[in-house]
Protein backbone atom coordinates (compact mmCIF):
# COMPACT_ATOMS: atom_id res chain seq x y z
CA MET A 1 0.00 0.00 0.00
CA ARG A 2 2.82 2.38 0.87
CA ARG A 3 4.45 1.69 -2.50
CA PHE A 4 1.20 2.62 -4.23
CA ALA A 5 0.98 5.89 -2.26
CA LEU A 6 4.58 6.77 -3.12
CA LEU A 7 3.86 6.26 -6.80
CA LEU A 8 0.76 8.45 -6.72
CA ARG A 9 2.06 11.30 -4.56
CA PRO A 10 3.69 13.28 -7.44
CA ILE A 11 0.55 12.95 -9.52
CA LEU A 12 -1.78 14.07 -6.74
CA ARG A 13 0.29 17.19 -6.14
CA ARG A 14 -0.13 18.41 -9.72
CA PRO A 15 -2.57 21.33 -9.89
CA HIS A 16 -4.28 19.99 -13.00
CA PHE A 17 -4.81 16.50 -11.51
CA MET A 18 -8.25 15.06 -12.21
CA ALA A 19 -10.02 12.15 -10.52
CA PHE A 20 -9.09 8.62 -11.58
CA THR A 21 -12.49 8.20 -13.21
CA SER A 22 -11.53 10.79 -15.79
CA PHE A 23 -8.58 8.87 -17.25
CA GLN A 24 -9.05 8.27 -20.94
CA ASN A 25 -8.18 4.58 -20.81
CA PRO A 26 -6.95 1.98 -18.36
CA THR A 27 -3.40 2.03 -19.69
CA SER A 28 -2.92 5.63 -18.59
CA PHE A 29 -3.71 4.53 -15.04
CA ASN A 30 -1.67 1.34 -15.27
CA GLN A 31 1.59 3.26 -15.49
CA PHE A 32 1.01 4.67 -11.99
CA ARG A 33 -0.31 1.70 -10.07
CA ALA A 34 1.77 -0.93 -8.34
CA SER A 35 1.74 -4.25 -10.08
CA SER A 36 0.93 -7.48 -8.32
CA PRO A 37 1.54 -11.12 -9.22
CA LEU A 38 -2.15 -11.36 -10.16
CA ASP A 39 -1.69 -8.76 -12.89
CA ARG A 40 1.02 -10.85 -14.54
CA SER A 41 -0.72 -14.21 -14.37
CA PRO A 42 -3.19 -14.68 -17.21
CA SER A 43 -4.30 -18.05 -15.81
CA LEU A 44 -5.81 -16.36 -12.73
CA CYS A 45 -7.81 -13.81 -14.70
CA PRO A 46 -11.20 -14.72 -16.14
CA PRO A 47 -12.04 -13.33 -19.58
CA LEU A 48 -13.20 -9.73 -19.39
CA TYR A 49 -16.15 -10.22 -21.70
CA PRO A 50 -18.16 -13.35 -22.39
CA PHE A 51 -17.80 -14.94 -25.79
CA PHE A 52 -21.54 -15.05 -26.38
CA THR A 53 -23.57 -11.87 -26.09
CA ASN A 54 -27.08 -10.88 -27.08
CA SER A 55 -27.99 -7.26 -27.53
CA PHE A 56 -30.72 -5.82 -25.38
CA SER A 57 -31.58 -2.36 -26.27
CA LEU A 58 -32.47 0.92 -24.97
CA SER A 59 -29.92 1.73 -27.60
CA SER A 60 -27.24 -0.55 -28.91
CA HIS A 61 -24.53 1.07 -26.77
CA ASP A 62 -26.39 1.50 -23.48
CA LEU A 63 -27.03 -2.01 -22.21
CA PHE A 64 -26.47 -5.54 -23.33
CA TYR A 65 -27.22 -8.87 -21.73
CA SER A 66 -24.64 -11.55 -21.28
CA SER A 67 -25.55 -15.12 -21.85
CA SER A 68 -23.56 -18.02 -20.58
CA ALA A 69 -22.08 -20.87 -22.60
CA SER A 70 -24.14 -23.20 -20.39
CA PRO A 71 -27.80 -23.03 -21.42
CA SER A 72 -28.95 -24.72 -18.20
CA SER A 73 -27.94 -21.77 -16.02
CA PRO A 74 -27.92 -18.51 -17.93
CA SER A 75 -26.21 -15.46 -16.56
CA ASN A 76 -28.35 -12.50 -15.64
CA ILE A 77 -25.73 -9.76 -16.09
CA VAL A 78 -26.50 -6.54 -17.95
CA TYR A 79 -23.52 -4.44 -19.07
CA ILE A 80 -24.14 -0.70 -18.81
CA GLY A 81 -22.10 1.60 -21.00
CA SER A 82 -23.74 5.02 -20.62
CA GLU A 83 -25.31 7.39 -18.14
CA GLU A 84 -28.68 6.94 -19.84
CA GLY A 85 -28.39 3.16 -19.45
CA PHE A 86 -27.51 3.54 -15.78
CA ASN A 87 -30.47 5.87 -15.15
CA THR A 88 -32.84 3.42 -16.83
CA ALA A 89 -31.50 0.53 -14.74
CA LEU A 90 -31.68 2.56 -11.53
CA ASN A 91 -35.27 3.62 -12.28
CA LYS A 92 -36.18 -0.02 -12.85
CA ALA A 93 -34.60 -1.00 -9.53
CA GLN A 94 -36.34 1.82 -7.65
CA GLU A 95 -39.72 2.27 -9.31
CA GLU A 96 -40.45 -1.33 -10.25
CA LYS A 97 -38.81 -2.50 -7.01
CA SER A 98 -36.91 -5.11 -8.96
CA PRO A 99 -34.10 -6.77 -6.99
CA SER A 100 -30.84 -5.49 -8.47
CA ILE A 101 -27.10 -5.55 -7.94
CA PHE A 102 -24.91 -2.78 -9.39
CA TYR A 103 -21.33 -4.01 -9.78
CA PHE A 104 -18.75 -1.26 -10.44
CA THR A 105 -15.52 -2.69 -11.83
CA ALA A 106 -12.51 -1.99 -14.04
CA ALA A 107 -10.49 -4.15 -16.43
CA TRP A 108 -7.18 -3.19 -14.77
CA CYS A 109 -8.42 -4.04 -11.24
CA GLY A 110 -6.94 -7.25 -9.79
CA PRO A 111 -9.51 -7.63 -6.97
CA CYS A 112 -12.29 -7.10 -9.53
CA ARG A 113 -10.96 -9.98 -11.59
CA LEU A 114 -10.94 -12.17 -8.50
CA ILE A 115 -14.52 -11.36 -7.51
CA SER A 116 -16.03 -11.40 -11.03
CA PRO A 117 -16.51 -15.20 -11.12
CA VAL A 118 -18.37 -14.97 -7.80
CA VAL A 119 -20.66 -12.24 -9.16
CA GLU A 120 -21.23 -14.37 -12.28
CA GLN A 121 -22.10 -17.42 -10.17
CA LEU A 122 -24.49 -15.42 -7.99
CA SER A 123 -26.24 -14.11 -11.09
CA LYS A 124 -26.88 -17.73 -12.09
CA GLU A 125 -28.02 -18.79 -8.61
CA LEU A 126 -30.35 -15.79 -8.29
CA PRO A 127 -32.08 -15.53 -11.68
CA HIS A 128 -34.75 -13.18 -10.29
CA VAL A 129 -32.03 -10.60 -9.46
CA THR A 130 -30.62 -8.46 -12.26
CA THR A 131 -26.90 -7.74 -11.98
CA TYR A 132 -25.74 -4.56 -13.71
CA LYS A 133 -22.03 -4.36 -14.48
CA LEU A 134 -20.44 -0.95 -15.00
CA ASP A 135 -16.85 -0.37 -16.09
CA ILE A 136 -15.65 2.80 -14.36
CA ASP A 137 -13.30 3.57 -17.25
CA GLN A 138 -16.22 4.31 -19.58
CA GLU A 139 -15.97 8.04 -20.23
CA SER A 140 -19.75 8.29 -20.60
CA LEU A 141 -20.19 7.16 -16.96
CA SER A 142 -17.84 9.69 -15.33
CA ARG A 143 -20.60 12.07 -14.13
CA THR A 144 -22.63 9.17 -12.73
CA LEU A 145 -19.62 7.82 -10.86
CA SER A 146 -18.93 11.25 -9.37
CA LYS A 147 -22.53 11.60 -8.21
CA LEU A 148 -22.46 8.15 -6.63
CA GLN A 149 -19.02 8.81 -5.11
CA ILE A 150 -17.54 5.62 -6.57
CA PHE A 151 -13.84 6.06 -5.86
CA SER A 152 -12.79 2.42 -5.33
CA VAL A 153 -13.44 -0.77 -7.20
CA PRO A 154 -14.89 -3.24 -6.85
CA THR A 155 -17.93 -1.52 -5.37
CA ILE A 156 -21.26 -3.32 -5.22
CA HIS A 157 -24.64 -1.72 -4.49
CA PHE A 158 -27.60 -3.93 -3.56
CA PHE A 159 -31.17 -2.76 -4.22
CA HIS A 160 -34.12 -4.45 -2.53
CA ASN A 161 -37.75 -3.27 -2.53
CA GLY A 162 -36.83 -0.14 -4.44
CA GLU A 163 -34.15 1.09 -2.05
CA LYS A 164 -30.41 0.71 -1.71
CA ALA A 165 -30.16 -1.94 0.99
CA SER A 166 -26.40 -2.45 1.22
CA GLU A 167 -23.01 -1.60 -0.23
CA ILE A 168 -19.72 -3.47 -0.36
CA VAL A 169 -16.43 -1.80 -1.23
CA GLY A 170 -13.63 -4.24 -1.95
CA ALA A 171 -13.40 -7.90 -2.90
CA ASP A 172 -15.03 -9.39 0.20
CA VAL A 173 -16.41 -12.67 -1.16
CA ALA A 174 -17.90 -13.82 2.16
CA LYS A 175 -19.76 -10.55 2.64
CA LEU A 176 -20.94 -10.58 -0.99
CA LYS A 177 -22.41 -14.06 -0.63
CA GLU A 178 -23.93 -13.32 2.79
CA THR A 179 -25.55 -10.06 1.64
CA SER A 180 -26.91 -11.63 -1.54
CA GLU A 181 -28.37 -14.56 0.38
CA ARG A 182 -29.87 -12.34 3.08
CA LEU A 183 -31.52 -9.97 0.60
CA TYR A 184 -32.44 -12.17 -2.33
CA LYS A 185 -32.77 -15.86 -1.41
CA LYS A 186 -36.32 -17.08 -1.83
CA VAL A 187 -37.44 -19.23 1.08
């Protein structure tokens, strides 16, 4: 952690420094973050995007559903790529009181890559819950991320009965499973 702070200190002192969410692409951030063994091991990292996708549209770039290679247990993950898509998903979670999980992630984030398979598995185990996945490096989401004060990834927001019921910051698998089960398991 100290090594990471030492690397960022010169950047943070610059008068024109902008928040991390405003970086143009993940590689511009990668040059400043400390690397870990997880970043160098491709065998530990799941694929960033599923091989099979079906479009679901508000517009072709706002949302799309992911479908799993296994037809017996489809994934229920919706990828959000714009502020309009996020607002639509949030309205659905609040107004229609649909159970929802908002998973904020980034391609360069090691802990996100570790927790992604757990989120994927939960989306299969809880088909009545819609999981929305948002990549914080999407430029079109920067205002939304600022409003929500998303400064760390992974961050997971849980909506139940139209209200935000819980939040997890960090890759806490036990807490993720416990919160999902407490809020969404049908008895």
